[in-house]
């Protein structure tokens, strides 16, 4: 009960909602720029970042988990750790 009230106070504020929305919009724009759909992103706890819209929706709806996950995946893509998908995938 206390956690729910505290979480509601944190996420319910207009500043936090703005931060969530704008970071989701930035992640979608950035994922389009780095062409995230061309990379083979795997893992059991990795959200399905298939295109810019899915990045936006995942980050917007599950910000606490998906925004850090996007930043980690983005860093690995920029470092060349995550391989490109095959043509048939």
C-alpha atoms as a PDB file:
ATOM      1  CA  UNK A   1       0.000   0.000   0.000  1.00  0.00           C
ATOM      2  CA  UNK A   2       2.755   2.431   0.946  1.00  0.00           C
ATOM      3  CA  UNK A   3       4.752   1.576  -2.169  1.00  0.00           C
ATOM      4  CA  UNK A   4       1.680   2.162  -4.336  1.00  0.00           C
ATOM      5  CA  UNK A   5       1.034   5.551  -2.759  1.00  0.00           C
ATOM      6  CA  UNK A   6       4.700   6.569  -3.069  1.00  0.00           C
ATOM      7  CA  UNK A   7       4.884   5.408  -6.674  1.00  0.00           C
ATOM      8  CA  UNK A   8       1.670   7.268  -7.476  1.00  0.00           C
ATOM      9  CA  UNK A   9       3.129  10.435  -5.996  1.00  0.00           C
ATOM     10  CA  UNK A  10       6.298  10.063  -8.068  1.00  0.00           C
ATOM     11  CA  UNK A  11       4.735   9.151 -11.416  1.00  0.00           C
ATOM     12  CA  UNK A  12       1.570  11.168 -11.005  1.00  0.00           C
ATOM     13  CA  UNK A  13       3.225  14.568 -11.114  1.00  0.00           C
ATOM     14  CA  UNK A  14       3.185  16.643 -14.275  1.00  0.00           C
ATOM     15  CA  UNK A  15       6.970  17.007 -14.296  1.00  0.00           C
ATOM     16  CA  UNK A  16       7.540  13.244 -14.191  1.00  0.00           C
ATOM     17  CA  UNK A  17       4.904  12.652 -16.865  1.00  0.00           C
ATOM     18  CA  UNK A  18       6.683  15.204 -19.037  1.00  0.00           C
ATOM     19  CA  UNK A  19      10.045  13.530 -18.457  1.00  0.00           C
ATOM     20  CA  UNK A  20       8.586  10.132 -19.373  1.00  0.00           C
ATOM     21  CA  UNK A  21       6.913  11.486 -22.524  1.00  0.00           C
ATOM     22  CA  UNK A  22       9.930  13.448 -23.782  1.00  0.00           C
ATOM     23  CA  UNK A  23      12.414  10.656 -23.092  1.00  0.00           C
ATOM     24  CA  UNK A  24      10.105   8.214 -24.904  1.00  0.00           C
ATOM     25  CA  UNK A  25       9.928  10.624 -27.847  1.00  0.00           C
ATOM     26  CA  UNK A  26      13.724  11.036 -27.846  1.00  0.00           C
ATOM     27  CA  UNK A  27      14.254   7.258 -27.700  1.00  0.00           C
ATOM     28  CA  UNK A  28      11.888   6.757 -30.660  1.00  0.00           C
ATOM     29  CA  UNK A  29      13.640   9.450 -32.672  1.00  0.00           C
ATOM     30  CA  UNK A  30      17.071   8.124 -31.774  1.00  0.00           C
ATOM     31  CA  UNK A  31      16.103   4.524 -32.577  1.00  0.00           C
ATOM     32  CA  UNK A  32      14.978   5.691 -36.014  1.00  0.00           C
ATOM     33  CA  UNK A  33      18.297   7.500 -36.504  1.00  0.00           C
ATOM     34  CA  UNK A  34      20.411   4.472 -35.563  1.00  0.00           C
ATOM     35  CA  UNK A  35      18.052   2.162 -37.513  1.00  0.00           C
ATOM     36  CA  UNK A  36      17.392  -0.186 -34.616  1.00  0.00           C
ATOM     37  CA  UNK A  37      15.274  -2.460 -36.816  1.00  0.00           C
ATOM     38  CA  UNK A  38      18.436  -3.588 -38.636  1.00  0.00           C
ATOM     39  CA  UNK A  39      20.007  -5.111 -35.510  1.00  0.00           C
ATOM     40  CA  UNK A  40      19.599  -8.547 -33.966  1.00  0.00           C
ATOM     41  CA  UNK A  41      18.449  -7.746 -30.437  1.00  0.00           C
ATOM     42  CA  UNK A  42      17.938 -10.888 -28.351  1.00  0.00           C
ATOM     43  CA  UNK A  43      17.470 -11.808 -24.735  1.00  0.00           C
ATOM     44  CA  UNK A  44      14.740 -13.030 -22.465  1.00  0.00           C
ATOM     45  CA  UNK A  45      14.304  -9.713 -20.657  1.00  0.00           C
ATOM     46  CA  UNK A  46      14.816  -7.453 -23.668  1.00  0.00           C
ATOM     47  CA  UNK A  47      11.749  -5.578 -24.933  1.00  0.00           C
ATOM     48  CA  UNK A  48      10.906  -6.059 -28.597  1.00  0.00           C
ATOM     49  CA  UNK A  49      12.392  -2.856 -29.996  1.00  0.00           C
ATOM     50  CA  UNK A  50      11.477  -3.707 -33.592  1.00  0.00           C
ATOM     51  CA  UNK A  51      10.860  -0.171 -34.831  1.00  0.00           C
ATOM     52  CA  UNK A  52      10.585   3.413 -33.620  1.00  0.00           C
ATOM     53  CA  UNK A  53       6.908   3.115 -32.675  1.00  0.00           C
ATOM     54  CA  UNK A  54       7.511   0.072 -30.500  1.00  0.00           C
ATOM     55  CA  UNK A  55      10.400   1.883 -28.794  1.00  0.00           C
ATOM     56  CA  UNK A  56       8.125   4.859 -28.106  1.00  0.00           C
ATOM     57  CA  UNK A  57       5.294   2.715 -26.716  1.00  0.00           C
ATOM     58  CA  UNK A  58       7.519   0.470 -24.586  1.00  0.00           C
ATOM     59  CA  UNK A  59       9.418   3.406 -23.101  1.00  0.00           C
ATOM     60  CA  UNK A  60       6.233   5.409 -22.551  1.00  0.00           C
ATOM     61  CA  UNK A  61       4.319   2.590 -20.869  1.00  0.00           C
ATOM     62  CA  UNK A  62       7.164   0.837 -19.024  1.00  0.00           C
ATOM     63  CA  UNK A  63       9.614   3.697 -18.576  1.00  0.00           C
ATOM     64  CA  UNK A  64      11.346   2.459 -15.428  1.00  0.00           C
ATOM     65  CA  UNK A  65      12.431  -0.763 -17.165  1.00  0.00           C
ATOM     66  CA  UNK A  66      12.484   0.049 -20.878  1.00  0.00           C
ATOM     67  CA  UNK A  67      14.300   3.397 -20.905  1.00  0.00           C
ATOM     68  CA  UNK A  68      17.424   1.981 -19.199  1.00  0.00           C
ATOM     69  CA  UNK A  69      17.148  -1.123 -21.425  1.00  0.00           C
ATOM     70  CA  UNK A  70      17.033   1.116 -24.511  1.00  0.00           C
ATOM     71  CA  UNK A  71      20.109   3.048 -23.342  1.00  0.00           C
ATOM     72  CA  UNK A  72      22.047  -0.197 -22.818  1.00  0.00           C
ATOM     73  CA  UNK A  73      21.023  -1.565 -26.226  1.00  0.00           C
ATOM     74  CA  UNK A  74      21.838   1.786 -27.874  1.00  0.00           C
ATOM     75  CA  UNK A  75      25.314   1.774 -26.331  1.00  0.00           C
ATOM     76  CA  UNK A  76      25.968  -1.756 -27.557  1.00  0.00           C
ATOM     77  CA  UNK A  77      24.798  -0.852 -31.073  1.00  0.00           C
ATOM     78  CA  UNK A  78      27.050   2.212 -31.185  1.00  0.00           C
ATOM     79  CA  UNK A  79      30.025   0.159 -29.954  1.00  0.00           C
ATOM     80  CA  UNK A  80      29.354  -2.513 -32.588  1.00  0.00           C
ATOM     81  CA  UNK A  81      28.638  -5.288 -30.092  1.00  0.00           C
ATOM     82  CA  UNK A  82      25.155  -6.141 -31.416  1.00  0.00           C
ATOM     83  CA  UNK A  83      25.294  -7.703 -34.902  1.00  0.00           C
ATOM     84  CA  UNK A  84      23.093  -6.791 -37.839  1.00  0.00           C
ATOM     85  CA  UNK A  85      20.174  -9.057 -38.714  1.00  0.00           C
ATOM     86  CA  UNK A  86      20.452 -11.417 -41.641  1.00  0.00           C
ATOM     87  CA  UNK A  87      18.479 -10.567 -44.773  1.00  0.00           C
ATOM     88  CA  UNK A  88      15.958 -13.363 -44.107  1.00  0.00           C
ATOM     89  CA  UNK A  89      15.169 -12.366 -40.495  1.00  0.00           C
END
